[in-house]
Amino acid sequence: MSTVDHAPQTSEAMAIPKQGLPVTIITGFLGSGKTTLLNYILSNQQGLKTAVLVNEFGEIGIDNELVIASDENMVELSNGCVCCTINEDLIEAVYKVLEREQKIDYLVVETTGLADPLPVALTFLGTELRDMTRLDSIVTMVDCENFSLDLFNSQAAQSQITYGDIIVLNKTDLVDEAEVDALEVRLRDLKTGARILRSKKAEVPLPLILSVGLFESDKYAPEDHDHSHDHDHDCAPDCQDPSHDHSHHGHDHHHHDHGHGKKYSSDHLEMDGFTSLSFRSDQPFSIRKFQYFLDNQLTPNIFRAKGILWFNESPKRHIFHLSGKRFSLEDDQWNGEKSNQLVLIGQNLDHDKIREQINHCLSLPSENKGKGFGKG
């Protein structure tokens, strides 16, 4: 999880009620466009000073490098399933935001694609944060091209719809309008009363998703969490009872030792069968070999992949995204040392086989000769 400040673009600011720092939670399944929406918000806020908290599932934080950020205030926190690991990190990160000298107008929390948003919301409602923040809405992103609760068979995907105040049907340009209509009908059956919007590249009118006051906190009493939500966590007491005693004086917040470090997971991940595979190398890939991997070896149970890639044949930094069967590569400039960083997320993955296949994509020393694209 990372925290990013984004400075105002203009002198006008949106009218913000004064009953605590307003908070928007952005959720949505793997590859739905959460980070794209986040960047759109940061680029179009008309004068707001916004803090951003980003959580990822995997050992490598790719999104940390893809979020529009100022040069300072980028803080690395725990990665993992947000609804298990975020509670401690979230409380500490929000305190850091609130204690800064420069006033913050808005807070946006982006969850991992495998997160249940309810425990995140309960962190704001069931801890001392409820006196300093105001949960404004939960925005759920939906990939119109790939979304299918039947395909994912995921408790997290179901919960993201169930608790979404606003559902954004994203990537409408990739499917027929009739398919979008059918998806909207189904989602309205799943979540009555949700505000449903349509978007291309996560571009939505910000007044429809920010400072909307759609989250009804009285429906989600923290003490009722175990009874109202079938999402039993056997590993992180924070998720079930987030009302911990944190002292807010001099940053002396009480830390809880769960005895599991970053490794603990929640039942919903075990039930869904989701795991992530992280790959990092200081050697370049061969474009031909990596293309073969994508075309012939990538299995359907890999739902999401993202990475910052270095190819032997190119001096550019390449930002890689895969959602379902569709992938993209965008050219960029290197800011530091060249390396390959790749995260794949899916169900019931054969980690050893996939890692062997990715290792085979690395360019051999003999292929590097004469290319002129070494490290650095």
Protein backbone atom coordinates (compact mmCIF):
# COMPACT_ATOMS: atom_id res chain seq x y z
CA MET A 1 0.00 0.00 0.00
CA SER A 2 1.27 3.45 -0.81
CA THR A 3 0.26 6.96 0.01
CA VAL A 4 0.48 9.75 -2.53
CA ASP A 5 -0.31 13.45 -2.31
CA HIS A 6 -1.57 15.24 -5.38
CA ALA A 7 -1.31 19.02 -5.48
CA PRO A 8 -4.18 21.22 -6.70
CA GLN A 9 -4.41 22.15 -10.36
CA THR A 10 -6.55 25.29 -10.03
CA SER A 11 -7.66 27.72 -7.35
CA GLU A 12 -11.25 26.49 -7.29
CA ALA A 13 -12.04 23.62 -4.95
CA MET A 14 -15.11 21.48 -4.68
CA ALA A 15 -17.31 22.27 -1.70
CA ILE A 16 -16.44 19.80 1.04
CA PRO A 17 -18.60 19.33 4.14
CA LYS A 18 -16.67 19.87 7.35
CA GLN A 19 -17.76 16.76 9.27
CA GLY A 20 -14.43 14.97 8.77
CA LEU A 21 -12.14 14.20 5.86
CA PRO A 22 -14.29 12.70 3.07
CA VAL A 23 -13.18 9.24 1.92
CA THR A 24 -13.94 7.35 -1.28
CA ILE A 25 -13.11 3.64 -1.57
CA ILE A 26 -12.41 2.40 -5.11
CA THR A 27 -12.88 -1.33 -5.48
CA GLY A 28 -13.45 -3.74 -8.34
CA PHE A 29 -12.19 -7.05 -9.61
CA LEU A 30 -8.86 -7.75 -11.28
CA GLY A 31 -8.22 -5.51 -14.27
CA SER A 32 -11.42 -3.50 -13.97
CA GLY A 33 -9.71 -0.10 -14.19
CA LYS A 34 -9.26 1.04 -10.58
CA THR A 35 -5.84 2.62 -11.08
CA THR A 36 -7.01 4.21 -14.33
CA LEU A 37 -9.92 5.82 -12.47
CA LEU A 38 -7.59 6.91 -9.69
CA ASN A 39 -5.29 8.64 -12.16
CA TYR A 40 -8.27 10.26 -13.87
CA ILE A 41 -9.40 11.67 -10.52
CA LEU A 42 -5.94 12.99 -9.74
CA SER A 43 -5.68 14.66 -13.14
CA ASN A 44 -9.07 16.41 -13.04
CA GLN A 45 -9.83 17.50 -9.48
CA GLN A 46 -10.12 21.23 -9.95
CA GLY A 47 -8.06 22.37 -7.00
CA LEU A 48 -8.46 19.65 -4.39
CA LYS A 49 -5.50 18.41 -2.40
CA THR A 50 -6.02 14.65 -2.39
CA ALA A 51 -4.26 11.87 -0.51
CA VAL A 52 -4.27 8.41 -2.07
CA LEU A 53 -3.80 5.02 -0.44
CA VAL A 54 -3.10 2.13 -2.81
CA ASN A 55 -3.06 -1.55 -1.82
CA GLU A 56 -1.88 -4.38 -4.06
CA PHE A 57 -1.98 -8.16 -4.00
CA GLY A 58 1.51 -9.51 -4.58
CA GLU A 59 5.08 -9.08 -3.42
CA ILE A 60 5.88 -6.45 -6.07
CA GLY A 61 3.99 -3.15 -6.04
CA ILE A 62 3.49 -2.34 -9.73
CA ASP A 63 0.68 0.17 -9.21
CA ASN A 64 2.92 2.24 -6.94
CA GLU A 65 4.90 3.19 -10.05
CA LEU A 66 1.82 3.79 -12.21
CA VAL A 67 -0.14 6.17 -9.99
CA ILE A 68 0.25 9.86 -10.83
CA ALA A 69 2.28 11.11 -7.89
CA SER A 70 4.30 14.03 -6.65
CA ASP A 71 7.99 13.43 -6.07
CA GLU A 72 7.53 13.17 -2.31
CA ASN A 73 5.22 11.43 0.15
CA MET A 74 5.40 8.03 -1.51
CA VAL A 75 5.40 5.59 1.40
CA GLU A 76 5.68 1.81 0.96
CA LEU A 77 3.38 -0.18 3.22
CA SER A 78 2.31 -3.82 3.33
CA ASN A 79 1.08 -5.58 0.22
CA GLY A 80 -1.40 -8.41 0.41
CA CYS A 81 -5.14 -8.91 0.56
CA VAL A 82 -6.45 -5.51 1.53
CA CYS A 83 -9.28 -6.71 3.74
CA CYS A 84 -6.87 -8.61 5.96
CA THR A 85 -3.76 -6.47 5.97
CA ILE A 86 -5.11 -3.00 5.47
CA ASN A 87 -6.61 -2.34 8.88
CA GLU A 88 -3.38 -1.65 10.76
CA ASP A 89 -1.70 -0.07 7.74
CA LEU A 90 -4.79 1.93 6.83
CA ILE A 91 -5.17 3.47 10.29
CA GLU A 92 -1.50 4.40 10.44
CA ALA A 93 -1.53 5.80 6.89
CA VAL A 94 -4.64 7.89 7.52
CA TYR A 95 -3.03 9.33 10.65
CA LYS A 96 0.01 10.32 8.61
CA VAL A 97 -2.29 12.09 6.16
CA LEU A 98 -4.22 13.89 8.90
CA GLU A 99 -1.08 14.98 10.76
CA ARG A 100 0.60 16.68 7.81
CA GLU A 101 0.94 20.43 7.99
CA GLN A 102 -0.62 20.93 4.58
CA LYS A 103 -4.38 20.44 4.70
CA ILE A 104 -5.82 17.49 2.80
CA ASP A 105 -9.26 17.92 1.22
CA TYR A 106 -10.00 14.37 0.18
CA LEU A 107 -8.84 10.78 0.65
CA VAL A 108 -9.15 8.01 -1.94
CA VAL A 109 -8.45 4.38 -1.02
CA GLU A 110 -7.84 1.95 -3.90
CA THR A 111 -8.17 -1.70 -2.89
CA THR A 112 -6.63 -4.72 -4.51
CA GLY A 113 -8.83 -6.51 -7.03
CA LEU A 114 -9.28 -9.41 -4.60
CA ALA A 115 -10.48 -7.32 -1.67
CA ASP A 116 -13.83 -7.31 0.04
CA PRO A 117 -14.53 -3.59 0.57
CA LEU A 118 -16.65 -4.03 3.70
CA PRO A 119 -13.79 -4.58 6.20
CA VAL A 120 -12.11 -1.50 4.74
CA ALA A 121 -15.27 0.52 5.32
CA LEU A 122 -15.57 -0.88 8.83
CA THR A 123 -12.07 0.33 9.59
CA PHE A 124 -13.35 3.88 9.14
CA LEU A 125 -16.59 3.19 11.01
CA GLY A 126 -15.36 1.03 13.88
CA THR A 127 -12.17 2.79 14.95
CA GLU A 128 -11.32 6.29 16.11
CA LEU A 129 -11.11 7.23 12.42
CA ARG A 130 -14.90 7.66 12.48
CA ASP A 131 -14.40 10.92 14.39
CA MET A 132 -11.94 12.34 11.84
CA THR A 133 -13.20 10.99 8.52
CA ARG A 134 -16.48 10.62 6.65
CA LEU A 135 -16.92 7.66 4.32
CA ASP A 136 -18.53 9.19 1.24
CA SER A 137 -19.01 6.22 -1.09
CA ILE A 138 -17.73 2.87 -2.29
CA VAL A 139 -17.12 2.96 -6.05
CA THR A 140 -17.01 -0.44 -7.75
CA MET A 141 -15.33 -0.74 -11.14
CA VAL A 142 -16.59 -3.43 -13.54
CA ASP A 143 -14.78 -4.62 -16.66
CA CYS A 144 -17.59 -4.97 -19.21
CA GLU A 145 -15.50 -7.20 -21.45
CA ASN A 146 -14.37 -9.73 -18.84
CA PHE A 147 -16.74 -9.46 -15.89
CA SER A 148 -18.58 -12.63 -14.99
CA LEU A 149 -19.39 -13.77 -11.48
CA ASP A 150 -19.83 -17.29 -12.86
CA LEU A 151 -16.39 -17.27 -14.46
CA PHE A 152 -14.58 -15.86 -11.45
CA ASN A 153 -16.61 -17.85 -8.92
CA SER A 154 -15.27 -15.32 -6.46
CA GLN A 155 -16.70 -14.25 -3.13
CA ALA A 156 -14.70 -11.03 -3.39
CA ALA A 157 -16.22 -10.13 -6.78
CA GLN A 158 -19.69 -10.71 -5.35
CA SER A 159 -18.97 -8.54 -2.31
CA GLN A 160 -17.60 -5.72 -4.44
CA ILE A 161 -20.99 -5.50 -6.20
CA THR A 162 -22.99 -6.03 -3.00
CA TYR A 163 -21.34 -3.13 -1.17
CA GLY A 164 -20.88 -0.76 -4.09
CA ASP A 165 -22.77 2.54 -3.78
CA ILE A 166 -21.68 3.43 -7.32
CA ILE A 167 -20.99 0.82 -10.00
CA VAL A 168 -18.98 1.99 -13.01
CA LEU A 169 -19.37 -0.17 -16.11
CA ASN A 170 -15.94 0.41 -17.60
CA LYS A 171 -14.47 -0.46 -21.02
CA THR A 172 -17.84 -0.04 -22.75
CA ASP A 173 -15.96 0.61 -25.99
CA LEU A 174 -14.74 -3.00 -26.06
CA VAL A 175 -18.17 -4.68 -26.18
CA ASP A 176 -21.53 -4.22 -27.91
CA GLU A 177 -24.03 -1.92 -26.26
CA ALA A 178 -26.48 -4.83 -25.94
CA GLU A 179 -23.92 -6.69 -23.79
CA VAL A 180 -23.52 -3.64 -21.56
CA ASP A 181 -27.31 -3.37 -21.23
CA ALA A 182 -27.57 -7.03 -20.24
CA LEU A 183 -24.78 -6.64 -17.68
CA GLU A 184 -26.44 -3.58 -16.19
CA VAL A 185 -29.74 -5.46 -15.81
CA ARG A 186 -27.95 -8.25 -13.98
CA LEU A 187 -26.09 -5.87 -11.70
CA ARG A 188 -29.28 -4.01 -10.83
CA ASP A 189 -30.73 -7.34 -9.72
CA LEU A 190 -27.67 -7.94 -7.54
CA LYS A 191 -27.53 -4.44 -6.06
CA THR A 192 -30.80 -2.57 -5.92
CA GLY A 193 -30.47 1.19 -5.71
CA ALA A 194 -26.83 1.48 -6.78
CA ARG A 195 -25.86 4.40 -9.00
CA ILE A 196 -24.71 2.78 -12.26
CA LEU A 197 -22.48 4.73 -14.64
CA ARG A 198 -20.82 3.82 -17.93
CA SER A 199 -17.30 4.76 -18.94
CA LYS A 200 -14.49 4.35 -21.42
CA LYS A 201 -11.00 4.30 -19.89
CA ALA A 202 -12.60 5.04 -16.48
CA GLU A 203 -13.52 8.60 -17.48
CA VAL A 204 -16.60 9.57 -15.47
CA PRO A 205 -17.88 12.99 -14.35
CA LEU A 206 -16.25 13.46 -10.96
CA PRO A 207 -19.29 15.17 -9.35
CA LEU A 208 -21.09 11.83 -9.84
CA ILE A 209 -18.56 9.86 -7.78
CA LEU A 210 -16.93 12.32 -5.33
CA SER A 211 -18.65 14.15 -2.45
CA VAL A 212 -21.88 12.34 -3.24
CA GLY A 213 -22.78 11.22 0.29
CA LEU A 214 -24.11 7.83 -0.86
CA PHE A 215 -22.56 5.62 1.81
CA GLU A 216 -25.15 4.86 4.52
CA SER A 217 -23.09 4.08 7.59
CA ASP A 218 -26.09 3.10 9.69
CA LYS A 219 -26.47 -0.04 7.56
CA TYR A 220 -23.04 -1.33 8.51
CA ALA A 221 -22.62 -1.40 12.27
CA PRO A 222 -19.15 -2.85 13.01
CA GLU A 223 -20.48 -5.06 15.79
CA ASP A 224 -22.85 -6.72 13.31
CA HIS A 225 -20.08 -7.60 10.87
CA ASP A 226 -19.89 -11.30 11.79
CA HIS A 227 -23.65 -11.74 11.50
CA SER A 228 -24.42 -9.67 8.44
CA HIS A 229 -21.52 -10.70 6.24
CA ASP A 230 -20.50 -14.23 5.39
CA HIS A 231 -16.79 -13.53 5.24
CA ASP A 232 -15.11 -15.31 8.12
CA HIS A 233 -11.49 -14.36 8.72
CA ASP A 234 -9.56 -16.88 10.74
CA CYS A 235 -6.34 -14.95 10.81
CA ALA A 236 -6.79 -11.23 11.35
CA PRO A 237 -8.89 -10.11 14.30
CA ASP A 238 -8.74 -6.59 12.87
CA CYS A 239 -11.07 -7.64 10.07
CA GLN A 240 -13.77 -8.84 12.45
CA ASP A 241 -13.45 -6.23 15.13
CA PRO A 242 -11.64 -3.17 13.85
CA SER A 243 -12.30 -1.09 16.96
CA HIS A 244 -8.77 -0.98 18.30
CA ASP A 245 -7.34 1.52 20.72
CA HIS A 246 -4.84 3.66 18.83
CA SER A 247 -3.32 6.56 20.71
CA HIS A 248 -3.29 9.60 18.43
CA HIS A 249 -0.63 11.54 20.29
CA GLY A 250 2.87 11.95 18.92
CA HIS A 251 2.40 9.08 16.45
CA ASP A 252 2.44 6.67 19.37
CA HIS A 253 -0.12 4.32 17.84
CA HIS A 254 -0.49 0.91 19.39
CA HIS A 255 0.67 -1.89 17.08
CA HIS A 256 -0.84 -5.35 17.24
CA ASP A 257 1.20 -8.47 16.67
CA HIS A 258 -0.94 -10.97 14.79
CA GLY A 259 1.85 -13.50 14.76
CA HIS A 260 1.48 -13.90 11.01
CA GLY A 261 3.38 -10.93 9.59
CA LYS A 262 2.53 -10.26 5.94
CA LYS A 263 1.82 -13.92 5.27
CA TYR A 264 -1.64 -14.29 6.77
CA SER A 265 -4.52 -14.60 4.36
CA SER A 266 -8.27 -14.67 4.63
CA ASP A 267 -10.69 -17.50 4.05
CA HIS A 268 -12.10 -15.88 0.92
CA LEU A 269 -8.74 -16.13 -0.85
CA GLU A 270 -8.40 -19.78 0.10
CA MET A 271 -11.97 -20.48 -0.96
CA ASP A 272 -11.56 -18.64 -4.25
CA GLY A 273 -8.19 -20.27 -4.88
CA PHE A 274 -6.49 -17.00 -5.82
CA THR A 275 -2.73 -16.60 -5.59
CA SER A 276 -0.20 -14.21 -7.07
CA LEU A 277 3.14 -14.96 -8.65
CA SER A 278 5.77 -12.23 -8.59
CA PHE A 279 8.78 -12.26 -10.91
CA ARG A 280 11.75 -9.92 -10.86
CA SER A 281 14.95 -10.03 -12.90
CA ASP A 282 17.84 -7.73 -13.79
CA GLN A 283 18.06 -9.46 -17.18
CA PRO A 284 16.00 -8.38 -20.21
CA PHE A 285 13.31 -10.48 -21.85
CA SER A 286 13.41 -11.55 -25.46
CA ILE A 287 10.36 -10.07 -27.22
CA ARG A 288 9.98 -13.21 -29.33
CA LYS A 289 10.06 -15.51 -26.29
CA PHE A 290 7.70 -13.35 -24.25
CA GLN A 291 5.25 -13.20 -27.17
CA TYR A 292 5.37 -17.01 -27.38
CA PHE A 293 4.58 -17.20 -23.66
CA LEU A 294 1.55 -14.93 -24.09
CA ASP A 295 0.28 -16.69 -27.20
CA ASN A 296 0.89 -20.33 -26.30
CA GLN A 297 1.53 -20.81 -22.59
CA LEU A 298 -0.67 -18.34 -20.74
CA THR A 299 -3.48 -20.34 -19.16
CA PRO A 300 -7.11 -19.14 -18.84
CA ASN A 301 -6.93 -19.26 -15.04
CA ILE A 302 -4.55 -16.26 -15.09
CA PHE A 303 -7.07 -13.43 -14.88
CA ARG A 304 -4.72 -10.51 -14.39
CA ALA A 305 -1.10 -9.64 -15.04
CA LYS A 306 0.78 -6.37 -14.84
CA GLY A 307 4.37 -5.43 -15.04
CA ILE A 308 7.17 -3.08 -15.97
CA LEU A 309 9.12 -4.88 -18.65
CA TRP A 310 12.57 -4.58 -20.18
CA PHE A 311 13.14 -6.13 -23.60
CA ASN A 312 16.53 -6.85 -25.12
CA GLU A 313 15.36 -5.39 -28.43
CA SER A 314 14.15 -2.05 -27.05
CA PRO A 315 15.63 0.82 -25.00
CA LYS A 316 12.15 1.73 -23.72
CA ARG A 317 10.44 0.91 -20.45
CA HIS A 318 7.27 -1.05 -21.25
CA ILE A 319 4.16 -1.00 -19.04
CA PHE A 320 2.33 -4.30 -19.40
CA HIS A 321 -1.32 -4.99 -18.54
CA LEU A 322 -3.31 -8.16 -19.08
CA SER A 323 -7.00 -8.56 -18.25
CA GLY A 324 -8.63 -11.77 -19.35
CA LYS A 325 -7.54 -12.43 -22.93
CA ARG A 326 -6.61 -8.83 -23.72
CA PHE A 327 -3.18 -7.34 -23.06
CA SER A 328 -1.44 -4.05 -23.79
CA LEU A 329 2.13 -2.74 -23.85
CA GLU A 330 2.79 0.98 -23.49
CA ASP A 331 6.19 2.57 -24.11
CA ASP A 332 7.68 4.76 -21.42
CA GLN A 333 11.05 6.13 -20.31
CA TRP A 334 13.28 4.51 -17.71
CA ASN A 335 13.83 6.56 -14.57
CA GLY A 336 16.38 4.30 -12.92
CA GLU A 337 17.94 0.86 -13.25
CA LYS A 338 16.43 -1.34 -15.91
CA SER A 339 14.78 -4.52 -14.67
CA ASN A 340 11.81 -6.78 -15.23
CA GLN A 341 8.98 -6.74 -12.70
CA LEU A 342 5.91 -8.88 -13.36
CA VAL A 343 2.93 -9.97 -11.27
CA LEU A 344 0.40 -12.58 -12.35
CA ILE A 345 -2.82 -13.26 -10.43
CA GLY A 346 -5.17 -16.16 -10.96
CA GLN A 347 -6.88 -19.22 -9.56
CA ASN A 348 -5.11 -22.49 -8.77
CA LEU A 349 -1.89 -21.46 -10.47
CA ASP A 350 0.99 -23.86 -11.06
CA HIS A 351 3.67 -21.51 -9.74
CA ASP A 352 6.66 -23.69 -10.57
CA LYS A 353 5.60 -24.25 -14.17
CA ILE A 354 4.74 -20.59 -14.78
CA ARG A 355 7.99 -19.40 -13.22
CA GLU A 356 9.94 -21.80 -15.43
CA GLN A 357 8.10 -20.50 -18.51
CA ILE A 358 8.82 -16.86 -17.60
CA ASN A 359 12.47 -17.62 -16.88
CA HIS A 360 12.67 -19.09 -20.36
CA CYS A 361 11.58 -15.68 -21.74
CA LEU A 362 14.82 -14.10 -20.53
CA SER A 363 17.25 -13.17 -23.24
CA LEU A 364 20.36 -15.36 -23.41
CA PRO A 365 23.79 -13.67 -23.07
CA SER A 366 24.52 -14.51 -26.70
CA GLU A 367 21.37 -12.63 -27.73
CA ASN A 368 22.50 -9.52 -25.86
CA LYS A 369 25.69 -9.03 -27.80
CA GLY A 370 25.69 -5.98 -30.03
CA LYS A 371 22.31 -4.76 -28.82
CA GLY A 372 23.68 -1.94 -26.69
CA PHE A 373 20.85 -2.14 -24.19
CA GLY A 374 22.59 -3.22 -21.00
CA LYS A 375 21.70 -2.36 -17.44
CA GLY A 376 21.39 1.22 -16.27
